[in-house]
């Protein structure tokens, strides 16, 4: 690898020289990917995802953003692995909590798929995954946002809105356990079908019970729910204890 010129090290200091070295490929060349040039949107998710899988020595060139904005970085690999007995997750290859800290994030986001009917080994593995990340986040003093996602099992053909909401509460309650180290729980917004079929009283009771499980530290997460459905549900959640949302800009 081509070394950083000594004048740069002398001018900027050793720490800055090391940062400059991270912009270089193994061949010693600097290559910046201009995110805005890919889609015309400096904050678009697809190019950011593409950069995540880029080879070492490639850096993302981002447009300035409002310095008052907080930065939350997703830690889990978006690709979910399922052998038929339940969904499993892992970290993106080469990605560590220390990296999130180095990038200056204000918090770390961890999605975890879980279902009470999944195989015991899968449930245990997912819980251990969150527990380890939670321990590392605490070590780096990074707030951890855990986003439990219901792993809908193929056997749930007779599911009703009430049962699906009950399973969601079960999953949220599971990861509200202090041993997982979640500072905030991102509660998934029920899908449009459930919202359409459940009564408003059922939805309200659902969020009342959610708040009893994680009072004062939960937000509503949009996931793949349409914007109009999310806005409708967010109003109900906000009245019943939610401290915020994670969803599309409005």
Protein backbone atom coordinates (compact mmCIF):
# COMPACT_ATOMS: atom_id res chain seq x y z
CA UNK A 1 0.00 0.00 0.00
CA UNK A 2 1.21 3.47 -0.83
CA UNK A 3 2.08 5.26 2.40
CA UNK A 4 0.58 8.57 3.43
CA UNK A 5 3.07 11.35 2.59
CA UNK A 6 5.08 12.29 5.66
CA UNK A 7 4.16 15.94 5.20
CA UNK A 8 0.50 15.02 5.68
CA UNK A 9 1.31 13.13 8.86
CA UNK A 10 3.31 16.07 10.17
CA UNK A 11 0.63 18.60 9.25
CA UNK A 12 -2.41 16.74 10.47
CA UNK A 13 -1.08 14.45 13.16
CA UNK A 14 -0.98 10.67 13.38
CA UNK A 15 -4.71 10.20 14.09
CA UNK A 16 -5.70 12.30 11.07
CA UNK A 17 -3.20 10.43 8.91
CA UNK A 18 -4.82 7.15 9.91
CA UNK A 19 -8.21 8.51 8.93
CA UNK A 20 -6.82 9.56 5.58
CA UNK A 21 -5.41 6.06 5.13
CA UNK A 22 -8.93 4.62 5.43
CA UNK A 23 -9.88 6.43 2.22
CA UNK A 24 -7.32 4.39 0.31
CA UNK A 25 -7.73 1.02 -1.40
CA UNK A 26 -5.22 -1.79 -0.82
CA UNK A 27 -3.47 -0.48 -3.95
CA UNK A 28 -3.01 2.87 -2.23
CA UNK A 29 -5.48 4.86 -4.32
CA UNK A 30 -8.21 7.11 -2.95
CA UNK A 31 -11.67 6.47 -4.38
CA UNK A 32 -14.68 8.46 -3.22
CA UNK A 33 -18.20 7.49 -4.28
CA UNK A 34 -20.33 10.61 -4.74
CA UNK A 35 -23.69 9.45 -3.36
CA UNK A 36 -25.60 12.35 -4.90
CA UNK A 37 -24.29 11.47 -8.38
CA UNK A 38 -25.81 7.98 -8.20
CA UNK A 39 -29.47 8.92 -7.81
CA UNK A 40 -29.46 12.67 -7.38
CA UNK A 41 -30.35 12.15 -3.72
CA UNK A 42 -27.54 12.42 -1.20
CA UNK A 43 -29.51 10.54 1.44
CA UNK A 44 -31.12 7.81 -0.67
CA UNK A 45 -30.98 4.35 0.88
CA UNK A 46 -29.99 2.22 -2.16
CA UNK A 47 -26.62 3.91 -2.78
CA UNK A 48 -25.85 3.91 0.93
CA UNK A 49 -26.57 0.17 0.95
CA UNK A 50 -24.31 -0.25 -2.08
CA UNK A 51 -21.47 1.59 -0.37
CA UNK A 52 -21.84 -0.68 2.66
CA UNK A 53 -20.81 -3.64 0.50
CA UNK A 54 -18.04 -1.77 -1.30
CA UNK A 55 -14.43 -2.99 -1.05
CA UNK A 56 -12.00 -1.66 1.52
CA UNK A 57 -10.56 1.71 0.73
CA UNK A 58 -13.71 3.11 -0.84
CA UNK A 59 -15.27 6.11 0.87
CA UNK A 60 -18.68 7.74 0.54
CA UNK A 61 -18.79 11.41 -0.37
CA UNK A 62 -21.92 12.87 1.21
CA UNK A 63 -23.57 16.24 0.83
CA UNK A 64 -23.72 18.41 3.98
CA UNK A 65 -26.73 17.83 6.19
CA UNK A 66 -28.20 19.85 9.01
CA UNK A 67 -25.65 19.49 11.84
CA UNK A 68 -28.53 19.42 14.31
CA UNK A 69 -29.66 16.06 12.91
CA UNK A 70 -28.86 12.98 14.93
CA UNK A 71 -27.26 9.99 13.21
CA UNK A 72 -28.49 6.43 13.75
CA UNK A 73 -26.69 3.61 11.91
CA UNK A 74 -28.19 0.20 11.23
CA UNK A 75 -26.03 -2.64 12.54
CA UNK A 76 -27.66 -5.85 11.32
CA UNK A 77 -27.19 -7.32 7.85
CA UNK A 78 -30.38 -6.61 5.82
CA UNK A 79 -30.12 -10.12 4.39
CA UNK A 80 -32.09 -12.56 6.54
CA UNK A 81 -31.18 -16.25 6.61
CA UNK A 82 -33.93 -18.87 6.97
CA UNK A 83 -33.41 -22.63 6.87
CA UNK A 84 -37.10 -23.29 7.36
CA UNK A 85 -37.06 -23.24 11.16
CA UNK A 86 -36.97 -19.45 11.66
CA UNK A 87 -35.18 -16.34 10.53
CA UNK A 88 -31.63 -15.67 11.62
CA UNK A 89 -29.56 -12.53 11.38
CA UNK A 90 -25.93 -11.62 11.60
CA UNK A 91 -23.86 -8.50 11.41
CA UNK A 92 -22.64 -7.19 8.09
CA UNK A 93 -19.26 -8.78 7.37
CA UNK A 94 -16.48 -6.74 8.98
CA UNK A 95 -18.96 -4.52 10.84
CA UNK A 96 -18.48 -3.98 14.58
CA UNK A 97 -20.04 -1.70 17.17
CA UNK A 98 -16.66 0.04 17.39
CA UNK A 99 -17.07 1.02 13.72
CA UNK A 100 -20.43 2.61 14.43
CA UNK A 101 -18.83 4.56 17.24
CA UNK A 102 -15.93 5.64 15.02
CA UNK A 103 -18.35 6.96 12.39
CA UNK A 104 -19.81 9.31 14.97
CA UNK A 105 -23.27 7.77 15.27
CA UNK A 106 -25.54 8.94 18.06
CA UNK A 107 -27.21 5.53 18.33
CA UNK A 108 -27.18 2.05 16.85
CA UNK A 109 -30.22 0.37 15.23
CA UNK A 110 -30.63 -3.40 15.49
CA UNK A 111 -33.50 -5.27 13.84
CA UNK A 112 -34.17 -8.74 15.23
CA UNK A 113 -36.60 -11.29 13.80
CA UNK A 114 -38.22 -13.49 16.42
CA UNK A 115 -41.30 -15.67 16.84
CA UNK A 116 -42.36 -17.76 19.84
CA UNK A 117 -43.05 -20.76 17.56
CA UNK A 118 -39.63 -20.73 15.88
CA UNK A 119 -37.16 -23.48 16.75
CA UNK A 120 -35.65 -23.12 20.21
CA UNK A 121 -32.11 -22.91 18.80
CA UNK A 122 -33.17 -20.09 16.48
CA UNK A 123 -34.83 -18.14 19.28
CA UNK A 124 -31.81 -18.59 21.53
CA UNK A 125 -29.44 -17.56 18.75
CA UNK A 126 -31.37 -14.39 18.00
CA UNK A 127 -31.50 -13.48 21.68
CA UNK A 128 -27.77 -14.08 22.08
CA UNK A 129 -27.12 -11.92 19.02
CA UNK A 130 -28.99 -8.99 20.59
CA UNK A 131 -27.41 -9.56 23.99
CA UNK A 132 -23.88 -9.39 22.55
CA UNK A 133 -24.61 -6.24 20.54
CA UNK A 134 -26.23 -4.68 23.61
CA UNK A 135 -23.14 -5.42 25.69
CA UNK A 136 -20.84 -3.88 23.07
CA UNK A 137 -23.08 -0.84 22.67
CA UNK A 138 -23.00 -0.25 26.43
CA UNK A 139 -19.20 -0.57 26.38
CA UNK A 140 -19.00 2.18 23.75
CA UNK A 141 -21.76 4.20 25.46
CA UNK A 142 -23.86 4.04 22.31
CA UNK A 143 -27.64 4.09 22.80
CA UNK A 144 -29.17 0.92 21.35
CA UNK A 145 -32.48 0.94 19.49
CA UNK A 146 -33.82 -2.60 19.17
CA UNK A 147 -36.45 -3.15 16.48
CA UNK A 148 -38.18 -6.49 17.11
CA UNK A 149 -39.80 -7.88 13.96
CA UNK A 150 -42.38 -10.64 14.05
CA UNK A 151 -41.17 -13.67 12.09
CA UNK A 152 -44.51 -14.80 10.66
CA UNK A 153 -44.48 -18.58 10.56
CA UNK A 154 -46.02 -20.47 7.61
CA UNK A 155 -48.19 -22.43 10.07
CA UNK A 156 -50.07 -19.28 11.13
CA UNK A 157 -52.75 -19.69 8.45
CA UNK A 158 -55.59 -19.30 10.95
CA UNK A 159 -54.18 -16.05 12.32
CA UNK A 160 -56.52 -13.21 13.28
CA UNK A 161 -55.70 -9.52 13.82
CA UNK A 162 -56.03 -10.02 17.56
CA UNK A 163 -53.62 -12.98 17.52
CA UNK A 164 -51.08 -11.12 15.38
CA UNK A 165 -51.16 -8.15 17.74
CA UNK A 166 -50.75 -10.49 20.71
CA UNK A 167 -47.68 -12.09 19.12
CA UNK A 168 -46.25 -8.65 18.41
CA UNK A 169 -46.63 -7.72 22.08
CA UNK A 170 -44.98 -10.99 23.07
CA UNK A 171 -41.97 -10.24 20.86
CA UNK A 172 -41.68 -6.63 22.06
CA UNK A 173 -41.92 -7.72 25.68
CA UNK A 174 -39.23 -10.32 25.14
CA UNK A 175 -36.62 -7.77 24.06
CA UNK A 176 -37.67 -5.23 26.66
CA UNK A 177 -35.81 -7.43 29.16
CA UNK A 178 -32.93 -5.34 30.61
CA UNK A 179 -30.40 -8.04 29.77
CA UNK A 180 -30.63 -7.05 26.09
CA UNK A 181 -29.58 -3.47 26.83
CA UNK A 182 -32.16 -1.70 24.65
CA UNK A 183 -32.45 2.00 25.40
CA UNK A 184 -35.36 2.34 22.98
CA UNK A 185 -37.69 -0.29 21.50
CA UNK A 186 -38.90 0.35 17.93
CA UNK A 187 -42.35 -1.23 17.95
CA UNK A 188 -43.42 -2.37 14.46
CA UNK A 189 -46.52 -0.74 13.05
CA UNK A 190 -49.18 -3.38 12.41
CA UNK A 191 -49.62 -4.08 8.68
CA UNK A 192 -52.44 -2.43 6.75
CA UNK A 193 -54.50 -5.64 6.72
CA UNK A 194 -54.44 -5.91 10.51
CA UNK A 195 -55.19 -2.20 10.94
CA UNK A 196 -58.14 -2.50 8.55
CA UNK A 197 -59.58 -5.57 10.26
CA UNK A 198 -58.92 -4.69 13.89
CA UNK A 199 -61.21 -2.29 15.69
CA UNK A 200 -59.87 1.01 16.98
CA UNK A 201 -60.46 -0.31 20.49
CA UNK A 202 -58.21 -3.30 19.75
CA UNK A 203 -55.48 -1.01 18.46
CA UNK A 204 -55.73 1.26 21.46
CA UNK A 205 -55.62 -1.67 23.88
CA UNK A 206 -52.63 -3.05 21.98
CA UNK A 207 -50.63 0.13 22.53
CA UNK A 208 -51.78 0.47 26.13
CA UNK A 209 -50.25 -2.96 26.78
CA UNK A 210 -47.12 -2.07 24.78
CA UNK A 211 -46.65 0.99 26.98
CA UNK A 212 -47.00 -1.15 30.07
CA UNK A 213 -44.16 -3.34 28.77
CA UNK A 214 -41.76 -0.56 27.76
CA UNK A 215 -43.14 2.63 29.25
CA UNK A 216 -41.28 5.78 28.27
CA UNK A 217 -38.87 4.14 25.85
CA UNK A 218 -40.71 3.06 22.72
CA UNK A 219 -41.26 4.50 19.27
CA UNK A 220 -43.41 3.33 16.38
CA UNK A 221 -41.52 1.94 13.37
CA UNK A 222 -43.04 2.10 9.89
CA UNK A 223 -41.29 -0.96 8.42
CA UNK A 224 -43.03 -1.58 5.07
CA UNK A 225 -46.38 -0.10 6.06
CA UNK A 226 -47.87 2.43 3.60
CA UNK A 227 -47.51 6.06 4.67
CA UNK A 228 -51.24 6.67 5.14
CA UNK A 229 -51.64 3.62 7.39
CA UNK A 230 -48.55 4.56 9.38
CA UNK A 231 -49.78 8.12 9.92
CA UNK A 232 -53.12 6.80 11.17
CA UNK A 233 -51.55 4.34 13.60
CA UNK A 234 -48.88 6.83 14.73
CA UNK A 235 -51.59 9.19 15.95
CA UNK A 236 -53.04 6.43 18.14
CA UNK A 237 -49.60 5.35 19.41
CA UNK A 238 -48.64 8.93 20.20
CA UNK A 239 -51.72 9.31 22.41
CA UNK A 240 -50.86 6.13 24.29
CA UNK A 241 -47.23 6.57 25.26
CA UNK A 242 -45.03 6.47 22.15
CA UNK A 243 -42.10 8.90 22.40
CA UNK A 244 -41.57 9.11 18.64
CA UNK A 245 -41.57 7.44 15.26
CA UNK A 246 -39.15 5.89 12.78
CA UNK A 247 -40.58 6.25 9.32
CA UNK A 248 -40.85 8.35 6.18
CA UNK A 249 -40.24 12.08 6.35
CA UNK A 250 -43.47 14.05 6.31
